């Protein structure tokens, strides 16, 4: 399994960002081959974190590309700063 984690700082409206992600982005993630799970976290203080889990690296990389497009098209005003993006193989899980 592979995962992609994106950390967004400076979020201007976490509730609205969460709504848009739930209604618009989550369905896009479910379409990516190898989809396992997606989580959108409100870490407080204007920080939100997403975690996408896929069966293979290609799915994780596709999620990164789709996230960049979705943020640019739908969330730019709410997520004004570029995310910190990390991706890699899942080596332990429960």
C-alpha atoms as a PDB file:
ATOM      1  CA  UNK A   1       0.000   0.000   0.000  1.00  0.00           C
ATOM      2  CA  UNK A   2       1.003   3.604  -0.602  1.00  0.00           C
ATOM      3  CA  UNK A   3      -0.166   6.801   1.051  1.00  0.00           C
ATOM      4  CA  UNK A   4      -0.033  10.492   0.233  1.00  0.00           C
ATOM      5  CA  UNK A   5      -0.242  13.084   3.002  1.00  0.00           C
ATOM      6  CA  UNK A   6      -0.872  16.755   2.301  1.00  0.00           C
ATOM      7  CA  UNK A   7      -0.653  19.465   5.005  1.00  0.00           C
ATOM      8  CA  UNK A   8      -2.397  22.765   4.297  1.00  0.00           C
ATOM      9  CA  UNK A   9      -1.626  25.799   6.460  1.00  0.00           C
ATOM     10  CA  UNK A  10      -3.409  29.148   6.569  1.00  0.00           C
ATOM     11  CA  UNK A  11      -6.847  27.665   5.908  1.00  0.00           C
ATOM     12  CA  UNK A  12      -9.329  30.548   5.996  1.00  0.00           C
ATOM     13  CA  UNK A  13     -12.561  28.595   6.578  1.00  0.00           C
ATOM     14  CA  UNK A  14     -12.032  24.995   7.753  1.00  0.00           C
ATOM     15  CA  UNK A  15     -15.745  24.145   7.842  1.00  0.00           C
ATOM     16  CA  UNK A  16     -16.301  25.248   4.244  1.00  0.00           C
ATOM     17  CA  UNK A  17     -13.115  23.544   3.093  1.00  0.00           C
ATOM     18  CA  UNK A  18     -14.307  20.324   4.733  1.00  0.00           C
ATOM     19  CA  UNK A  19     -17.709  20.589   3.068  1.00  0.00           C
ATOM     20  CA  UNK A  20     -16.206  21.128  -0.381  1.00  0.00           C
ATOM     21  CA  UNK A  21     -13.731  18.284   0.075  1.00  0.00           C
ATOM     22  CA  UNK A  22     -16.479  15.933   1.261  1.00  0.00           C
ATOM     23  CA  UNK A  23     -18.891  16.818  -1.525  1.00  0.00           C
ATOM     24  CA  UNK A  24     -16.475  17.296  -4.420  1.00  0.00           C
ATOM     25  CA  UNK A  25     -13.080  15.757  -3.801  1.00  0.00           C
ATOM     26  CA  UNK A  26     -13.907  12.526  -1.988  1.00  0.00           C
ATOM     27  CA  UNK A  27     -15.924  11.237  -4.979  1.00  0.00           C
ATOM     28  CA  UNK A  28     -12.899  11.923  -7.211  1.00  0.00           C
ATOM     29  CA  UNK A  29     -10.652   9.909  -4.906  1.00  0.00           C
ATOM     30  CA  UNK A  30     -13.019   6.946  -4.981  1.00  0.00           C
ATOM     31  CA  UNK A  31     -12.637   6.839  -8.794  1.00  0.00           C
ATOM     32  CA  UNK A  32      -8.848   6.400  -8.663  1.00  0.00           C
ATOM     33  CA  UNK A  33      -7.856   2.763  -9.284  1.00  0.00           C
ATOM     34  CA  UNK A  34      -6.571   1.076  -6.147  1.00  0.00           C
ATOM     35  CA  UNK A  35      -8.397   3.435  -3.761  1.00  0.00           C
ATOM     36  CA  UNK A  36      -8.391   2.219  -0.139  1.00  0.00           C
ATOM     37  CA  UNK A  37      -9.233   5.228   2.064  1.00  0.00           C
ATOM     38  CA  UNK A  38      -9.261   9.024   2.291  1.00  0.00           C
ATOM     39  CA  UNK A  39      -9.228  11.221   5.398  1.00  0.00           C
ATOM     40  CA  UNK A  40      -9.486  15.022   5.790  1.00  0.00           C
ATOM     41  CA  UNK A  41      -8.457  16.262   9.224  1.00  0.00           C
ATOM     42  CA  UNK A  42      -8.931  19.625  10.930  1.00  0.00           C
ATOM     43  CA  UNK A  43      -5.753  19.919  13.002  1.00  0.00           C
ATOM     44  CA  UNK A  44      -6.759  23.318  14.392  1.00  0.00           C
ATOM     45  CA  UNK A  45      -5.126  26.727  14.086  1.00  0.00           C
ATOM     46  CA  UNK A  46      -5.852  26.929  10.351  1.00  0.00           C
ATOM     47  CA  UNK A  47      -4.163  23.620   9.536  1.00  0.00           C
ATOM     48  CA  UNK A  48      -5.851  20.798   7.646  1.00  0.00           C
ATOM     49  CA  UNK A  49      -4.292  17.487   6.649  1.00  0.00           C
ATOM     50  CA  UNK A  50      -5.405  14.945   4.067  1.00  0.00           C
ATOM     51  CA  UNK A  51      -4.324  11.331   3.854  1.00  0.00           C
ATOM     52  CA  UNK A  52      -5.007   9.205   0.795  1.00  0.00           C
ATOM     53  CA  UNK A  53      -4.310   5.458   0.854  1.00  0.00           C
ATOM     54  CA  UNK A  54      -4.035   3.321  -2.274  1.00  0.00           C
ATOM     55  CA  UNK A  55      -3.048  -0.205  -3.161  1.00  0.00           C
ATOM     56  CA  UNK A  56      -0.157   1.022  -5.308  1.00  0.00           C
ATOM     57  CA  UNK A  57       2.142   3.951  -5.962  1.00  0.00           C
ATOM     58  CA  UNK A  58       0.308   4.960  -9.148  1.00  0.00           C
ATOM     59  CA  UNK A  59      -2.882   5.586  -7.176  1.00  0.00           C
ATOM     60  CA  UNK A  60      -1.075   7.711  -4.590  1.00  0.00           C
ATOM     61  CA  UNK A  61       0.573   9.768  -7.322  1.00  0.00           C
ATOM     62  CA  UNK A  62      -2.769  10.208  -9.098  1.00  0.00           C
ATOM     63  CA  UNK A  63      -4.288  11.472  -5.844  1.00  0.00           C
ATOM     64  CA  UNK A  64      -1.566  14.132  -5.567  1.00  0.00           C
ATOM     65  CA  UNK A  65      -2.275  15.349  -9.103  1.00  0.00           C
ATOM     66  CA  UNK A  66      -6.046  15.363  -8.570  1.00  0.00           C
ATOM     67  CA  UNK A  67      -5.671  17.205  -5.259  1.00  0.00           C
ATOM     68  CA  UNK A  68      -3.590  19.955  -6.895  1.00  0.00           C
ATOM     69  CA  UNK A  69      -6.185  20.388  -9.644  1.00  0.00           C
ATOM     70  CA  UNK A  70      -9.123  20.382  -7.216  1.00  0.00           C
ATOM     71  CA  UNK A  71      -7.519  22.920  -4.891  1.00  0.00           C
ATOM     72  CA  UNK A  72      -6.645  25.200  -7.807  1.00  0.00           C
ATOM     73  CA  UNK A  73     -10.172  25.002  -9.246  1.00  0.00           C
ATOM     74  CA  UNK A  74     -12.338  24.941  -6.091  1.00  0.00           C
ATOM     75  CA  UNK A  75     -10.396  25.758  -2.923  1.00  0.00           C
ATOM     76  CA  UNK A  76      -7.782  28.382  -3.784  1.00  0.00           C
ATOM     77  CA  UNK A  77      -9.453  31.090  -1.665  1.00  0.00           C
ATOM     78  CA  UNK A  78      -9.760  28.745   1.335  1.00  0.00           C
ATOM     79  CA  UNK A  79      -6.334  27.091   1.050  1.00  0.00           C
ATOM     80  CA  UNK A  80      -4.101  30.021   0.073  1.00  0.00           C
ATOM     81  CA  UNK A  81      -0.734  28.365   0.793  1.00  0.00           C
ATOM     82  CA  UNK A  82       0.850  25.511  -1.158  1.00  0.00           C
ATOM     83  CA  UNK A  83       0.618  22.220   0.741  1.00  0.00           C
ATOM     84  CA  UNK A  84       3.474  20.213   2.139  1.00  0.00           C
ATOM     85  CA  UNK A  85       3.185  16.899   0.278  1.00  0.00           C
ATOM     86  CA  UNK A  86       4.644  13.589   1.397  1.00  0.00           C
ATOM     87  CA  UNK A  87       4.074  10.176  -0.162  1.00  0.00           C
ATOM     88  CA  UNK A  88       5.469   6.722   0.308  1.00  0.00           C
ATOM     89  CA  UNK A  89       4.985   3.065   0.925  1.00  0.00           C
ATOM     90  CA  UNK A  90       2.970   2.098   3.981  1.00  0.00           C
ATOM     91  CA  UNK A  91       5.290  -0.065   6.063  1.00  0.00           C
ATOM     92  CA  UNK A  92       3.127  -0.628   9.156  1.00  0.00           C
ATOM     93  CA  UNK A  93      -0.606  -0.455   9.807  1.00  0.00           C
ATOM     94  CA  UNK A  94      -3.298  -1.855  12.021  1.00  0.00           C
END
